[in-house]
N, C-alpha and C. Protein backbone atom coordinates (compact mmCIF):
# COMPACT_ATOMS: atom_id res chain seq x y z
N UNK A 1 34.05 290.88 125.63
CA UNK A 1 34.51 291.81 126.69
C UNK A 1 34.80 292.71 125.45
N UNK A 2 35.76 292.88 124.77
CA UNK A 2 36.32 293.54 123.87
C UNK A 2 35.86 294.22 122.81
N UNK A 3 34.57 293.12 122.43
CA UNK A 3 33.36 293.52 121.52
C UNK A 3 32.73 294.66 121.74
N UNK A 4 32.20 294.70 122.96
CA UNK A 4 31.44 295.48 123.94
C UNK A 4 32.21 297.02 123.72
N UNK A 5 33.18 296.84 124.26
CA UNK A 5 34.10 297.82 124.29
C UNK A 5 33.91 298.31 122.42
N UNK A 6 34.32 297.62 121.77
CA UNK A 6 34.67 298.01 120.70
C UNK A 6 33.25 298.78 119.78
N UNK A 7 32.04 298.38 120.22
CA UNK A 7 30.89 298.87 120.08
C UNK A 7 30.69 300.01 120.55
N UNK A 8 31.04 300.25 122.25
CA UNK A 8 30.71 301.64 123.01
C UNK A 8 31.46 302.19 122.52
N UNK A 9 33.11 302.01 121.91
CA UNK A 9 33.92 303.41 121.04
C UNK A 9 32.93 303.55 119.67
N UNK A 10 32.67 303.13 119.05
CA UNK A 10 31.79 302.63 117.48
C UNK A 10 30.62 303.96 117.99
N UNK A 11 29.60 303.64 118.80
CA UNK A 11 28.69 304.03 119.19
C UNK A 11 29.01 306.10 119.78
N UNK A 12 29.73 305.97 120.57
CA UNK A 12 30.27 307.14 120.75
C UNK A 12 30.84 308.25 119.62
N UNK A 13 31.48 307.82 118.79
CA UNK A 13 31.94 308.16 117.65
C UNK A 13 30.75 308.37 116.95
N UNK A 14 29.51 307.89 116.38
CA UNK A 14 28.58 308.19 115.60
C UNK A 14 27.83 309.41 116.66
N UNK A 15 27.61 309.27 117.51
CA UNK A 15 26.56 310.20 118.59
C UNK A 15 27.36 311.58 118.67
N UNK A 16 28.70 311.37 118.83
CA UNK A 16 29.36 312.77 118.41
C UNK A 16 29.63 313.57 117.02
N UNK A 17 29.54 312.50 116.43
CA UNK A 17 29.89 313.15 114.74
C UNK A 17 28.11 313.74 114.47
N UNK A 18 27.10 312.93 115.02
CA UNK A 18 25.50 313.69 114.99
C UNK A 18 25.68 314.81 115.50
N UNK A 19 26.25 315.09 117.09
CA UNK A 19 26.10 316.41 117.56
C UNK A 19 26.64 317.15 116.85
N UNK A 20 28.18 317.14 116.12
CA UNK A 20 28.83 317.88 115.58
C UNK A 20 27.88 318.86 114.73
N UNK A 21 27.17 317.85 113.62
CA UNK A 21 26.47 318.08 112.40
C UNK A 21 25.42 319.02 113.37
N UNK A 22 24.65 318.95 114.38
CA UNK A 22 23.68 319.31 114.44
C UNK A 22 24.14 321.15 115.17
N UNK A 23 25.08 321.23 115.78
CA UNK A 23 26.12 322.04 116.20
C UNK A 23 26.13 323.14 115.02
N UNK A 24 26.85 322.37 113.85
CA UNK A 24 27.26 323.15 112.82
C UNK A 24 25.73 323.98 111.82
N UNK A 25 24.72 323.00 112.10
CA UNK A 25 23.55 323.33 111.56
C UNK A 25 23.20 324.96 112.31
N UNK A 26 22.97 324.57 113.59
CA UNK A 26 22.79 325.57 114.94
C UNK A 26 23.54 327.11 114.10
N UNK A 27 24.68 326.76 113.92
CA UNK A 27 25.74 327.90 113.83
C UNK A 27 25.27 328.75 112.29
N UNK A 28 25.09 327.68 111.56
CA UNK A 28 24.59 327.94 110.30
C UNK A 28 23.22 328.99 110.02
N UNK A 29 22.25 328.63 110.74
CA UNK A 29 21.50 329.13 110.90
C UNK A 29 21.27 330.40 111.70
N UNK A 30 22.14 330.45 112.76
CA UNK A 30 22.43 331.89 113.38
C UNK A 30 23.16 332.68 112.43
N UNK A 31 23.88 332.43 111.73
CA UNK A 31 24.88 333.09 111.13
C UNK A 31 23.88 334.20 110.04
N UNK A 32 23.01 333.23 109.69
CA UNK A 32 22.01 333.48 108.81
C UNK A 32 20.94 334.67 109.19
N UNK A 33 20.88 334.00 110.59
CA UNK A 33 20.12 335.41 111.24
C UNK A 33 20.47 336.73 111.54
N UNK A 34 21.57 336.62 111.87
CA UNK A 34 22.67 338.08 112.27
C UNK A 34 22.56 338.60 110.91
N UNK A 35 23.09 338.03 109.79
CA UNK A 35 23.30 338.83 108.44
C UNK A 35 21.70 339.42 108.03
N UNK A 36 20.83 338.70 108.37
CA UNK A 36 19.57 339.31 107.73
C UNK A 36 19.25 340.44 108.82
N UNK A 37 19.49 340.30 109.91
CA UNK A 37 19.53 341.36 110.75
C UNK A 37 20.11 342.76 110.56
N UNK A 38 21.64 342.36 110.23
CA UNK A 38 22.31 343.56 109.81
C UNK A 38 21.47 343.88 108.62
N UNK A 39 21.27 343.31 107.93
CA UNK A 39 20.75 343.62 106.41
C UNK A 39 19.56 344.80 106.71
N UNK A 40 18.93 344.63 107.45
CA UNK A 40 17.53 345.55 108.05
C UNK A 40 18.07 346.56 109.28
N UNK A 41 19.51 346.95 109.35
CA UNK A 41 20.12 347.50 110.23
C UNK A 41 19.70 347.76 111.93
N UNK A 42 19.57 346.32 111.97
CA UNK A 42 19.26 346.29 113.48
C UNK A 42 20.71 346.27 114.45
N UNK A 43 20.64 347.25 115.91
CA UNK A 43 21.63 347.09 116.56
C UNK A 43 22.11 345.97 117.24
N UNK A 44 23.09 345.74 117.63
CA UNK A 44 23.36 344.53 118.54
C UNK A 44 23.94 345.31 120.00
N UNK A 45 23.85 344.71 121.00
CA UNK A 45 24.64 345.32 122.26
C UNK A 45 23.33 346.01 122.95
N UNK A 46 24.17 346.08 124.23
CA UNK A 46 23.14 347.27 124.92
C UNK A 46 23.22 348.63 124.57
N UNK A 47 22.11 349.38 124.64
CA UNK A 47 21.75 350.83 124.03
C UNK A 47 22.62 351.78 124.74
N UNK A 48 23.43 352.93 123.91
CA UNK A 48 23.93 353.82 124.50
C UNK A 48 23.44 354.64 125.57
N UNK A 49 24.17 354.91 126.42
CA UNK A 49 23.47 355.87 127.26
C UNK A 49 24.09 357.78 127.11
N UNK A 50 23.13 358.46 126.93
CA UNK A 50 23.08 359.52 126.49
C UNK A 50 24.03 360.41 127.53
N UNK A 51 24.74 361.40 126.69
CA UNK A 51 25.90 362.24 127.61
C UNK A 51 24.99 362.82 129.08
N UNK A 52 26.21 363.39 130.22
CA UNK A 52 25.32 364.02 130.87
C UNK A 52 24.89 365.46 130.45
N UNK A 53 23.88 365.90 130.77
CA UNK A 53 23.90 367.48 130.79
C UNK A 53 24.70 368.09 130.53
N UNK A 54 25.38 368.25 131.35
CA UNK A 54 26.51 369.37 131.48
C UNK A 54 27.81 368.63 131.21
N UNK A 55 27.80 368.07 130.24
CA UNK A 55 29.30 367.09 129.59
C UNK A 55 30.16 368.09 129.62
N UNK A 56 29.92 368.72 128.13
CA UNK A 56 30.84 369.76 127.85
C UNK A 56 31.50 370.82 128.94
N UNK A 57 30.51 371.55 129.29
CA UNK A 57 31.08 372.41 130.75
C UNK A 57 32.06 372.04 131.48
N UNK A 58 31.67 370.68 131.82
CA UNK A 58 32.72 369.56 133.10
C UNK A 58 34.13 369.56 132.17
N UNK A 59 33.77 368.96 130.88
CA UNK A 59 35.26 368.88 129.98
C UNK A 59 35.80 370.02 130.16
N UNK A 60 35.45 371.16 130.05
CA UNK A 60 36.13 372.29 129.67
C UNK A 60 37.06 372.49 130.95
N UNK A 61 36.03 372.50 132.05
CA UNK A 61 36.91 372.56 133.46
C UNK A 61 37.85 371.70 133.85
N UNK A 62 37.68 370.51 133.23
CA UNK A 62 38.81 369.36 133.45
C UNK A 62 40.03 369.73 132.46
N UNK A 63 39.95 370.01 131.07
CA UNK A 63 41.11 370.06 130.30
C UNK A 63 41.81 371.69 130.88
N UNK A 64 40.97 372.74 131.42
CA UNK A 64 41.69 373.88 131.89
C UNK A 64 42.72 373.80 133.11
N UNK A 65 42.03 372.48 133.92
CA UNK A 65 42.88 372.13 135.19
C UNK A 65 41.90 372.58 136.12
N UNK A 66 40.77 373.35 136.22
CA UNK A 66 39.95 374.03 137.35
C UNK A 66 39.30 372.70 138.32
N UNK A 67 38.94 371.34 137.48
CA UNK A 67 38.63 370.47 138.31
C UNK A 67 39.59 368.73 137.80
N UNK A 68 39.50 368.21 138.84
CA UNK A 68 40.12 366.70 138.37
C UNK A 68 39.10 365.92 137.92
N UNK A 69 39.63 364.96 137.36
CA UNK A 69 38.28 364.01 136.57
C UNK A 69 37.77 363.47 137.82
N UNK A 70 38.33 363.15 138.61
CA UNK A 70 37.56 362.17 139.67
C UNK A 70 36.64 363.37 139.92
N UNK A 71 36.97 364.55 140.69
CA UNK A 71 35.54 365.45 140.75
C UNK A 71 34.41 365.13 139.63
N UNK A 72 35.08 365.51 138.52
CA UNK A 72 33.65 365.54 137.17
C UNK A 72 33.31 364.21 137.62
N UNK A 73 33.67 362.82 137.58
CA UNK A 73 33.14 361.86 137.85
C UNK A 73 31.83 361.68 138.63
N UNK A 74 32.48 362.52 139.86
CA UNK A 74 31.32 362.29 141.05
C UNK A 74 30.25 363.44 140.73
N UNK A 75 30.63 364.69 140.19
CA UNK A 75 29.82 365.74 140.00
C UNK A 75 28.38 365.22 138.77
N UNK A 76 28.92 364.28 137.97
CA UNK A 76 28.04 363.83 136.42
C UNK A 76 27.40 362.82 137.10
N UNK A 77 27.97 362.06 138.01
CA UNK A 77 27.30 360.68 138.84
C UNK A 77 27.47 359.62 137.79
N UNK A 78 28.73 359.47 137.22
CA UNK A 78 28.83 358.49 136.13
C UNK A 78 30.05 357.66 136.80
N UNK A 79 30.21 356.46 136.37
CA UNK A 79 31.54 355.59 136.65
C UNK A 79 32.78 356.04 136.10
N UNK A 80 33.60 355.86 136.53
CA UNK A 80 35.02 355.92 135.86
C UNK A 80 35.35 355.43 134.57
N UNK A 81 34.84 354.10 134.30
CA UNK A 81 34.98 353.52 132.83
C UNK A 81 34.09 354.42 131.78
N UNK A 82 32.87 354.73 132.06
CA UNK A 82 31.93 355.66 131.54
C UNK A 82 32.77 356.39 131.11
N UNK A 83 32.96 357.35 132.33
CA UNK A 83 33.92 358.53 132.16
C UNK A 83 34.90 358.75 130.88
N UNK A 84 35.58 357.75 131.11
CA UNK A 84 36.78 357.66 129.97
C UNK A 84 36.41 357.05 128.64
N UNK A 85 35.56 356.25 128.94
CA UNK A 85 34.62 355.87 127.29
C UNK A 85 34.49 357.19 126.66
N UNK A 86 33.80 358.18 127.27
CA UNK A 86 33.01 359.63 126.79
C UNK A 86 34.38 360.23 126.62
N UNK A 87 35.49 360.60 127.48
CA UNK A 87 36.21 361.23 127.24
C UNK A 87 36.99 361.00 125.92
N UNK A 88 37.32 359.61 125.90
CA UNK A 88 38.26 359.44 124.54
C UNK A 88 37.16 359.60 123.22
N UNK A 89 35.78 359.73 123.52
CA UNK A 89 35.34 359.79 122.07
C UNK A 89 35.31 361.05 121.92
N UNK A 90 35.05 362.07 122.75
CA UNK A 90 34.71 363.40 122.37
C UNK A 90 36.25 364.39 122.64
């Protein structure tokens, strides 16, 4: 009985080592592919949304105090997170 337990433990260790080795190979190939893509100037992630047409005018009104940011978001038709992301960039 203890011999079978020992064989099972050894088998699990061997299979675990093989799986870890395969995972390391996959990570290495993935890293190589990402580096090759970056050398070709490939952009990763979601594409950027363009600025709304009247963004500059709306920002001027918000900065002057004529409009509140919530009103600007409604009129521009953008979410709160998108508004503040654009606001921090410009």
